[in-house]
Amino acid sequence: MFQSRDEVRQVYLTVWRKLKQNELLESMEALIAAVIEIHPEYHALLEDGVAVAQNDFTPEQGQTNPFLHMGMHIALREQADSNRPPGIKPLYQKLIARKGRHEAEHAMMECLGQVLWQAQRDTTEPDQLAYLDCLKKI
């Protein structure tokens, strides 16, 4: 099911509220919470609730989109857990062993972002082989 930008951002805000109130989290919420916890620089933004959810976070404004950034962490963790694309799990584990989880994911985001940008530009599916090749070069 496709979610709008506002719906996705609301999920983050809900997880943040639940995290602060020590409420029980569903499995996906727990994954989101783990990513939120390693990004204390975004905690104040999440406190702003609706105001932050409506911000565009454009590069022209010199801003990093915290929802996109955290979403990429989540995507990488889900890719590794499911080993999709095939072969990513051992690459992920190798990078974590070398760099630590957070830094490994940041390095991997460069490859993921590049492959997604190229797919969007060319209106094609992301090139899994190019993605894996990029990851191998880290």
Protein backbone atom coordinates (compact mmCIF):
# COMPACT_ATOMS: atom_id res chain seq x y z
CA MET A 1 0.00 0.00 0.00
CA PHE A 2 1.38 3.39 -1.02
CA GLN A 3 1.63 6.03 1.67
CA SER A 4 1.81 9.76 1.07
CA ARG A 5 4.70 11.82 2.35
CA ASP A 6 2.51 13.13 5.16
CA GLU A 7 1.41 9.62 6.16
CA VAL A 8 5.00 8.36 6.28
CA ARG A 9 6.09 11.32 8.34
CA GLN A 10 3.18 10.77 10.71
CA VAL A 11 4.45 7.23 11.32
CA TYR A 12 7.80 8.67 12.46
CA LEU A 13 6.04 11.14 14.74
CA THR A 14 3.86 8.40 16.21
CA VAL A 15 6.88 6.18 16.84
CA TRP A 16 8.71 9.11 18.47
CA ARG A 17 5.76 9.72 20.78
CA LYS A 18 5.51 6.02 21.65
CA LEU A 19 9.26 5.83 22.24
CA LYS A 20 9.19 8.76 24.65
CA GLN A 21 6.21 7.31 26.51
CA ASN A 22 7.72 3.80 26.65
CA GLU A 23 4.72 2.36 24.80
CA LEU A 24 4.79 -1.05 23.18
CA LEU A 25 6.05 -0.90 19.58
CA GLU A 26 5.11 -3.13 16.67
CA SER A 27 8.04 -4.72 14.80
CA MET A 28 8.26 -2.04 12.09
CA GLU A 29 7.88 0.66 14.72
CA ALA A 30 10.77 -0.90 16.66
CA LEU A 31 12.95 -0.69 13.55
CA ILE A 32 12.00 2.96 13.06
CA ALA A 33 12.62 3.65 16.77
CA ALA A 34 16.10 2.11 16.57
CA VAL A 35 16.96 4.44 13.70
CA ILE A 36 15.49 7.46 15.48
CA GLU A 37 17.54 6.65 18.57
CA ILE A 38 20.85 6.76 16.66
CA HIS A 39 19.97 10.21 15.32
CA PRO A 40 19.71 12.52 18.34
CA GLU A 41 20.20 15.46 15.98
CA TYR A 42 16.64 14.83 14.73
CA HIS A 43 14.95 14.51 18.12
CA ALA A 44 14.19 18.24 18.41
CA LEU A 45 12.74 18.19 14.90
CA LEU A 46 10.45 15.30 15.82
CA GLU A 47 9.28 17.29 18.83
CA ASP A 48 7.95 19.94 16.42
CA GLY A 49 5.38 17.46 15.15
CA VAL A 50 3.14 18.86 12.43
CA ALA A 51 5.48 21.76 11.67
CA VAL A 52 8.38 19.46 10.84
CA ALA A 53 6.14 17.07 8.93
CA GLN A 54 5.18 19.85 6.53
CA ASN A 55 8.74 21.07 5.89
CA ASP A 56 10.18 20.27 2.46
CA PHE A 57 13.86 20.08 3.59
CA THR A 58 15.22 21.11 0.21
CA PRO A 59 18.93 21.06 -0.62
CA GLU A 60 18.50 24.64 -1.84
CA GLN A 61 17.70 25.57 1.75
CA GLY A 62 20.84 23.74 2.87
CA GLN A 63 18.81 21.12 4.67
CA THR A 64 19.06 17.37 4.87
CA ASN A 65 15.70 15.64 4.87
CA PRO A 66 15.68 13.72 8.17
CA PHE A 67 12.84 11.47 7.03
CA LEU A 68 14.67 10.50 3.85
CA HIS A 69 17.89 9.94 5.77
CA MET A 70 16.24 7.72 8.40
CA GLY A 71 14.23 5.97 5.67
CA MET A 72 17.44 5.01 3.91
CA HIS A 73 18.78 3.47 7.12
CA ILE A 74 15.56 1.46 7.37
CA ALA A 75 15.73 0.40 3.72
CA LEU A 76 19.30 -0.81 4.13
CA ARG A 77 18.42 -2.82 7.24
CA GLU A 78 15.46 -4.39 5.48
CA GLN A 79 17.58 -5.21 2.44
CA ALA A 80 20.18 -6.89 4.62
CA ASP A 81 17.58 -8.80 6.65
CA SER A 82 15.93 -10.16 3.51
CA ASN A 83 19.17 -10.41 1.49
CA ARG A 84 17.53 -8.49 -1.34
CA PRO A 85 19.11 -7.82 -3.68
CA PRO A 86 20.77 -11.21 -3.37
CA GLY A 87 24.28 -10.82 -1.98
CA ILE A 88 23.71 -7.64 0.01
CA LYS A 89 23.59 -9.35 3.41
CA PRO A 90 27.24 -10.49 3.44
CA LEU A 91 28.36 -7.10 2.08
CA TYR A 92 26.37 -5.34 4.82
CA GLN A 93 27.85 -7.58 7.51
CA LYS A 94 31.38 -7.06 6.18
CA LEU A 95 30.98 -3.28 6.17
CA ILE A 96 29.53 -3.30 9.68
CA ALA A 97 32.50 -5.32 10.91
CA ARG A 98 34.86 -2.73 9.39
CA LYS A 99 33.06 0.53 10.10
CA GLY A 100 30.35 -0.09 12.69
CA ARG A 101 26.67 -0.19 11.78
CA HIS A 102 25.90 3.51 11.60
CA GLU A 103 28.95 4.46 9.53
CA ALA A 104 28.56 1.42 7.29
CA GLU A 105 24.99 2.43 6.53
CA HIS A 106 26.05 5.99 5.78
CA ALA A 107 28.63 4.72 3.30
CA MET A 108 26.05 2.39 1.74
CA MET A 109 23.55 5.24 1.39
CA GLU A 110 25.77 6.84 -1.22
CA CYS A 111 25.41 3.77 -3.42
CA LEU A 112 21.70 3.40 -2.75
CA GLY A 113 21.04 7.06 -3.49
CA GLN A 114 23.06 6.95 -6.70
CA VAL A 115 21.26 3.85 -8.02
CA LEU A 116 17.84 5.25 -7.10
CA TRP A 117 18.63 8.60 -8.72
CA GLN A 118 19.76 6.88 -11.93
CA ALA A 119 16.64 4.73 -12.02
CA GLN A 120 14.43 7.76 -11.53
CA ARG A 121 16.31 9.74 -14.17
CA ASP A 122 16.12 6.90 -16.69
CA THR A 123 12.62 5.77 -15.64
CA THR A 124 13.88 2.22 -15.11
CA GLU A 125 14.13 -0.24 -12.27
CA PRO A 126 17.16 0.25 -10.01
CA ASP A 127 20.21 -1.59 -11.35
CA GLN A 128 20.86 -4.21 -8.68
CA LEU A 129 24.19 -5.27 -10.15
CA ALA A 130 25.47 -1.70 -10.26
CA TYR A 131 24.27 -1.25 -6.68
CA LEU A 132 26.10 -4.34 -5.43
CA ASP A 133 29.20 -3.37 -7.41
CA CYS A 134 29.19 0.06 -5.80
CA LEU A 135 28.83 -1.51 -2.34
CA LYS A 136 31.79 -3.82 -3.02
CA LYS A 137 33.98 -0.76 -3.68
CA ILE A 138 33.37 0.78 -0.25
